[in-house]
Amino acid sequence: MSNMAGASGSGTRSGSKQTTNPVDNFHLARRRTLQVVVSSLLTEPGFESAEKASVETLTEMLQSYIPEIGRSAESHCEHTARTRPALSDIVVTLVEMGFNVDTLPAYPVTPKALTAGQNRPHPPHIPSHCPEFPDPHTYIGTPTYREPVSDSQVLREKAAPQRRHVQRALTRFMAKTGETQSLFKDDVSTLPSIAARPFGIPYLTALLPSELEMQQMEETDSSEQDEQTQRTSLFISVQRILEPRRRTLLSCSRTPPCREAESIIDNPYLRPVKKPKIRRKKSLS
């Protein structure tokens, strides 16, 4: 190594041009880099200039000092069954070379960036000289949501198939749970349709309150309970009045025409037509 350093140094002193051999170019570039390092180290104590021979001597010393530190640190690393040298290996190497570690200047520490929260400590199997864990906000995940669709056309396009699916599901459910009618006598399971339930008096449901209306009236506020009780009592009284008439109408619908039902029917559209009375003018004799 010293021979190569001397050769490169002599080449530098003679001021010869850069050779075409890549190995020589590498050594020449390394030599110039070490000279820049030595020059910067000399300017820190306050030196303004230096002789070329002294710079070359310091460069030779630095060039032999760095490989020796690396070789010794690698041997200590392999002795402890490790593949990469640690800081302790370099400290032991400097002590063996007779260097006082306490005289080393403090390395400038870069200021830490702004942190949020307290970092998690290292587990026991991780050395303390390893980098710290990142800030706690690094592990926080922010869920993303899609923006709601506000276009009326898109909403209608989505609502149309949903409505069809709901109608089909309800139709199938009612066909399975209730009575059905089929278009084919031989195959009942093909194209079943919901059986219609005939009702004797169709206008009676319009006169009587439905169950839904009764439930809605029961679930209203307490301030309207008095009015609702009056309405319910009125509906119940109407229902009691119309119940015997409904029974008579049902019995008449099952039997041949009944004359008594004509006088009981309350619907003006179903009453029999009455001929108007024609008054005859009296003639003067």
Protein backbone atom coordinates (compact mmCIF):
# COMPACT_ATOMS: atom_id res chain seq x y z
CA MET A 1 0.00 0.00 0.00
CA SER A 2 2.88 2.34 0.83
CA ASN A 3 4.45 1.59 -2.57
CA MET A 4 1.22 2.48 -4.34
CA ALA A 5 0.88 5.60 -2.21
CA GLY A 6 4.46 6.56 -3.06
CA ALA A 7 3.83 5.95 -6.73
CA SER A 8 0.70 8.02 -6.68
CA GLY A 9 2.48 10.69 -4.64
CA SER A 10 5.39 10.83 -7.09
CA GLY A 11 2.92 11.07 -9.93
CA THR A 12 1.24 13.98 -8.21
CA ARG A 13 4.55 15.72 -7.46
CA SER A 14 5.74 15.42 -11.03
CA GLY A 15 2.48 16.95 -12.23
CA SER A 16 1.94 14.27 -14.87
CA LYS A 17 -1.40 13.97 -16.58
CA GLN A 18 -4.08 11.48 -15.55
CA THR A 19 -3.30 7.98 -16.82
CA THR A 20 -5.69 5.88 -18.81
CA ASN A 21 -5.50 2.90 -16.42
CA PRO A 22 -8.73 2.77 -14.29
CA VAL A 23 -6.83 1.51 -11.23
CA ASP A 24 -4.40 4.41 -11.38
CA ASN A 25 -7.28 6.82 -11.87
CA PHE A 26 -8.99 5.44 -8.74
CA HIS A 27 -5.86 5.81 -6.60
CA LEU A 28 -5.26 9.30 -7.93
CA ALA A 29 -8.82 10.38 -7.10
CA ARG A 30 -8.52 8.91 -3.61
CA ARG A 31 -5.21 10.71 -3.10
CA ARG A 32 -6.71 14.05 -4.07
CA THR A 33 -9.68 13.47 -1.76
CA LEU A 34 -7.33 12.81 1.17
CA GLN A 35 -5.40 15.98 0.36
CA VAL A 36 -8.64 17.97 0.51
CA VAL A 37 -9.43 16.41 3.91
CA VAL A 38 -5.96 17.23 5.25
CA SER A 39 -6.24 20.81 4.00
CA SER A 40 -9.61 21.27 5.71
CA LEU A 41 -8.22 19.84 8.96
CA LEU A 42 -5.32 22.31 8.81
CA THR A 43 -7.60 25.30 8.30
CA GLU A 44 -9.64 24.49 11.45
CA PRO A 45 -6.76 25.27 13.92
CA GLY A 46 -6.02 28.51 12.03
CA PHE A 47 -3.30 27.64 9.47
CA GLU A 48 -3.49 29.82 6.39
CA SER A 49 -0.87 28.03 4.24
CA ALA A 50 1.25 24.86 4.27
CA GLU A 51 4.18 23.46 2.35
CA LYS A 52 3.52 20.82 -0.23
CA ALA A 53 5.88 18.32 1.42
CA SER A 54 4.11 18.58 4.79
CA VAL A 55 0.71 18.11 3.14
CA GLU A 56 2.01 15.01 1.36
CA THR A 57 3.40 13.63 4.64
CA LEU A 58 0.12 14.13 6.47
CA THR A 59 -1.73 12.55 3.54
CA GLU A 60 0.52 9.46 3.74
CA MET A 61 -0.10 9.20 7.48
CA LEU A 62 -3.87 9.50 7.03
CA GLN A 63 -3.83 6.99 4.18
CA SER A 64 -2.08 4.39 6.35
CA TYR A 65 -4.05 5.23 9.51
CA ILE A 66 -7.55 4.69 8.09
CA PRO A 67 -6.95 1.15 6.67
CA GLU A 68 -5.31 0.10 9.95
CA ILE A 69 -8.40 1.18 11.91
CA GLY A 70 -10.68 -0.68 9.49
CA ARG A 71 -8.60 -3.88 9.59
CA SER A 72 -8.41 -3.95 13.39
CA ALA A 73 -12.14 -3.16 13.80
CA GLU A 74 -13.01 -5.96 11.38
CA SER A 75 -10.91 -8.45 13.33
CA HIS A 76 -12.66 -7.52 16.59
CA CYS A 77 -16.02 -7.81 14.84
CA GLU A 78 -15.27 -11.29 13.51
CA HIS A 79 -13.94 -12.33 16.92
CA THR A 80 -17.41 -11.70 18.42
CA ALA A 81 -19.19 -13.59 15.56
CA ARG A 82 -20.56 -10.48 13.87
CA THR A 83 -20.44 -9.36 10.25
CA ARG A 84 -20.58 -5.58 10.69
CA PRO A 85 -18.30 -3.55 13.01
CA ALA A 86 -19.93 -1.59 15.80
CA LEU A 87 -18.86 1.55 17.63
CA SER A 88 -17.32 -0.51 20.43
CA ASP A 89 -14.98 -2.23 17.92
CA ILE A 90 -13.62 1.13 16.76
CA VAL A 91 -13.11 2.31 20.34
CA VAL A 92 -11.11 -0.83 21.21
CA THR A 93 -9.05 -0.37 18.03
CA LEU A 94 -8.15 3.22 18.94
CA VAL A 95 -7.15 2.13 22.45
CA GLU A 96 -4.89 -0.61 21.05
CA MET A 97 -3.24 1.91 18.73
CA GLY A 98 -2.40 4.08 21.77
CA PHE A 99 -4.93 6.80 21.14
CA ASN A 100 -6.76 8.47 24.03
CA VAL A 101 -10.46 8.30 23.22
CA ASP A 102 -11.34 10.97 25.76
CA THR A 103 -9.42 13.58 23.77
CA LEU A 104 -11.69 13.19 20.74
CA PRO A 105 -13.65 16.37 20.04
CA ALA A 106 -17.40 16.23 20.40
CA TYR A 107 -19.09 15.42 17.14
CA PRO A 108 -21.59 18.12 16.13
CA VAL A 109 -25.07 16.77 16.72
CA THR A 110 -27.76 17.89 14.32
CA PRO A 111 -30.81 19.36 16.06
CA LYS A 112 -33.80 17.05 16.24
CA ALA A 113 -36.88 17.85 14.28
CA LEU A 114 -40.16 18.70 15.93
CA THR A 115 -41.70 15.55 17.39
CA ALA A 116 -45.29 14.86 18.37
CA GLY A 117 -45.76 12.58 21.36
CA GLN A 118 -43.26 10.27 23.03
CA ASN A 119 -41.31 7.78 20.95
CA ARG A 120 -41.50 4.11 21.78
CA PRO A 121 -38.34 2.75 23.51
CA HIS A 122 -36.21 0.00 22.00
CA PRO A 123 -36.92 -3.61 22.94
CA PRO A 124 -34.16 -5.46 24.85
CA HIS A 125 -32.83 -7.23 21.72
CA ILE A 126 -32.13 -3.94 19.85
CA PRO A 127 -28.89 -2.08 20.74
CA SER A 128 -29.16 1.43 22.11
CA HIS A 129 -27.02 2.98 19.34
CA CYS A 130 -29.60 2.05 16.70
CA PRO A 131 -31.92 4.79 15.42
CA GLU A 132 -35.01 5.54 17.43
CA PHE A 133 -38.49 4.55 16.40
CA PRO A 134 -40.42 7.16 14.42
CA ASP A 135 -42.97 9.46 16.00
CA PRO A 136 -46.27 7.95 17.19
CA HIS A 137 -48.23 9.78 14.49
CA THR A 138 -46.38 7.68 11.89
CA TYR A 139 -48.41 4.61 12.89
CA ILE A 140 -51.75 6.43 12.80
CA GLY A 141 -53.86 5.58 9.77
CA THR A 142 -56.37 7.99 8.31
CA PRO A 143 -59.31 6.21 6.68
CA THR A 144 -60.51 7.57 3.38
CA TYR A 145 -64.13 7.80 2.35
CA ARG A 146 -65.73 8.30 -1.00
CA GLU A 147 -67.51 11.53 -1.62
CA PRO A 148 -71.31 11.17 -1.59
CA VAL A 149 -72.93 11.18 -5.01
CA SER A 150 -75.18 14.21 -5.41
CA ASP A 151 -76.05 13.90 -9.10
CA SER A 152 -79.78 13.32 -9.49
CA GLN A 153 -79.39 11.21 -12.63
CA VAL A 154 -76.93 8.83 -10.96
CA LEU A 155 -79.17 8.54 -7.91
CA ARG A 156 -82.19 7.67 -10.07
CA GLU A 157 -80.18 5.08 -11.98
CA LYS A 158 -79.15 3.44 -8.70
CA ALA A 159 -82.62 3.64 -7.15
CA ALA A 160 -84.39 2.04 -10.14
CA PRO A 161 -82.67 -1.41 -9.93
CA GLN A 162 -82.93 -1.36 -6.14
CA ARG A 163 -86.67 -0.79 -6.38
CA ARG A 164 -87.02 -3.67 -8.85
CA HIS A 165 -85.02 -6.00 -6.61
CA VAL A 166 -87.17 -5.11 -3.60
CA GLN A 167 -90.38 -5.71 -5.53
CA ARG A 168 -89.17 -9.07 -6.79
CA ALA A 169 -88.06 -10.12 -3.32
CA LEU A 170 -91.41 -9.15 -1.77
CA THR A 171 -93.32 -10.90 -4.54
CA ARG A 172 -91.36 -14.11 -4.07
CA PHE A 173 -91.79 -13.94 -0.30
CA MET A 174 -95.55 -13.47 -0.54
CA ALA A 175 -95.78 -16.22 -3.17
CA LYS A 176 -93.95 -18.65 -0.89
CA THR A 177 -95.83 -17.79 2.29
CA GLY A 178 -99.35 -17.17 0.94
CA GLU A 179 -101.80 -18.54 -1.57
CA THR A 180 -100.78 -18.45 -5.22
CA GLN A 181 -102.39 -18.89 -8.59
CA SER A 182 -100.60 -20.33 -11.60
CA LEU A 183 -101.19 -19.73 -15.28
CA PHE A 184 -100.59 -23.40 -16.04
CA LYS A 185 -102.79 -26.09 -14.56
CA ASP A 186 -100.26 -28.88 -14.93
CA ASP A 187 -97.22 -27.03 -13.51
CA VAL A 188 -98.10 -24.95 -10.46
CA SER A 189 -94.51 -23.87 -9.70
CA THR A 190 -94.05 -22.06 -13.03
CA LEU A 191 -94.84 -18.34 -12.96
CA PRO A 192 -96.81 -18.26 -9.70
CA SER A 193 -98.86 -15.15 -9.00
CA ILE A 194 -100.31 -13.90 -5.73
CA ALA A 195 -103.90 -14.97 -5.30
CA ALA A 196 -106.43 -12.16 -5.13
CA ARG A 197 -108.61 -12.03 -2.04
CA PRO A 198 -112.16 -10.98 -2.92
CA PHE A 199 -113.96 -8.61 -0.59
CA GLY A 200 -117.73 -8.32 -0.45
CA ILE A 201 -118.04 -4.60 0.23
CA PRO A 202 -115.15 -2.65 -1.29
CA TYR A 203 -116.24 0.76 -0.03
CA LEU A 204 -116.36 -0.37 3.61
CA THR A 205 -112.58 -0.05 4.07
CA ALA A 206 -112.79 3.62 3.11
CA LEU A 207 -115.31 4.29 5.86
CA LEU A 208 -113.53 2.42 8.65
CA PRO A 209 -110.10 3.45 9.99
CA SER A 210 -107.20 1.18 9.10
CA GLU A 211 -104.86 -0.48 11.58
CA LEU A 212 -102.01 1.79 10.52
CA GLU A 213 -104.02 4.88 11.31
CA MET A 214 -104.90 3.47 14.71
CA GLN A 215 -101.21 2.81 15.47
CA GLN A 216 -100.19 6.27 14.34
CA MET A 217 -102.80 7.84 16.55
CA GLU A 218 -101.58 5.84 19.55
CA GLU A 219 -97.94 6.90 19.01
CA THR A 220 -98.60 10.66 18.92
CA ASP A 221 -97.72 13.09 21.70
CA SER A 222 -99.58 13.26 24.99
CA SER A 223 -100.89 16.75 24.17
CA GLU A 224 -103.02 15.33 21.38
CA GLN A 225 -104.29 12.32 23.29
CA ASP A 226 -107.61 13.96 24.17
CA GLU A 227 -108.43 14.68 20.56
CA GLN A 228 -107.32 11.23 19.53
CA THR A 229 -109.49 9.56 22.14
CA GLN A 230 -112.47 11.47 20.80
CA ARG A 231 -111.65 10.41 17.28
CA THR A 232 -111.14 6.79 18.24
CA SER A 233 -114.40 6.75 20.16
CA LEU A 234 -116.13 8.23 17.12
CA PHE A 235 -114.56 5.63 14.84
CA ILE A 236 -115.52 2.84 17.21
CA SER A 237 -119.10 4.07 17.39
CA VAL A 238 -119.27 4.28 13.59
CA GLN A 239 -117.83 0.80 13.36
CA ARG A 240 -120.40 -0.53 15.81
CA ILE A 241 -123.20 1.11 13.84
CA LEU A 242 -122.00 -0.24 10.50
CA GLU A 243 -121.13 -3.72 11.75
CA PRO A 244 -124.72 -5.13 11.66
CA ARG A 245 -125.31 -3.54 8.29
CA ARG A 246 -122.12 -5.08 6.96
CA ARG A 247 -123.24 -8.49 8.18
CA THR A 248 -126.60 -8.14 6.50
CA LEU A 249 -124.94 -7.06 3.27
CA LEU A 250 -122.63 -10.04 3.38
CA SER A 251 -125.55 -12.39 3.98
CA CYS A 252 -127.47 -10.80 1.13
CA SER A 253 -124.50 -11.09 -1.23
CA ARG A 254 -124.36 -14.84 -0.62
CA THR A 255 -128.14 -15.37 -0.98
CA PRO A 256 -130.53 -14.37 -3.81
CA PRO A 257 -131.48 -10.70 -4.08
CA CYS A 258 -132.71 -9.35 -0.81
CA ARG A 259 -135.22 -6.56 -0.64
CA GLU A 260 -134.32 -5.58 2.89
CA ALA A 261 -130.79 -4.68 1.83
CA GLU A 262 -132.07 -2.02 -0.53
CA SER A 263 -133.27 0.10 2.36
CA ILE A 264 -130.09 -0.51 4.40
CA ILE A 265 -127.49 0.51 1.78
CA ASP A 266 -125.93 3.83 2.74
CA ASN A 267 -123.90 4.34 -0.42
CA PRO A 268 -125.84 6.75 -2.65
CA TYR A 269 -124.22 5.27 -5.74
CA LEU A 270 -125.59 1.80 -4.97
CA ARG A 271 -129.14 2.78 -4.08
CA PRO A 272 -131.91 1.84 -6.54
CA VAL A 273 -133.12 4.56 -8.83
CA LYS A 274 -136.39 6.18 -7.81
CA LYS A 275 -138.59 7.67 -10.45
CA PRO A 276 -139.56 11.26 -9.81
CA LYS A 277 -143.19 11.99 -9.14
CA ILE A 278 -144.96 13.90 -11.87
CA ARG A 279 -147.61 16.28 -10.74
CA ARG A 280 -150.55 16.63 -13.03
CA LYS A 281 -151.99 20.03 -13.56
CA LYS A 282 -155.59 20.39 -12.65
CA SER A 283 -157.74 21.58 -15.48
CA LEU A 284 -160.13 24.42 -14.89
CA SER A 285 -163.67 23.40 -15.70
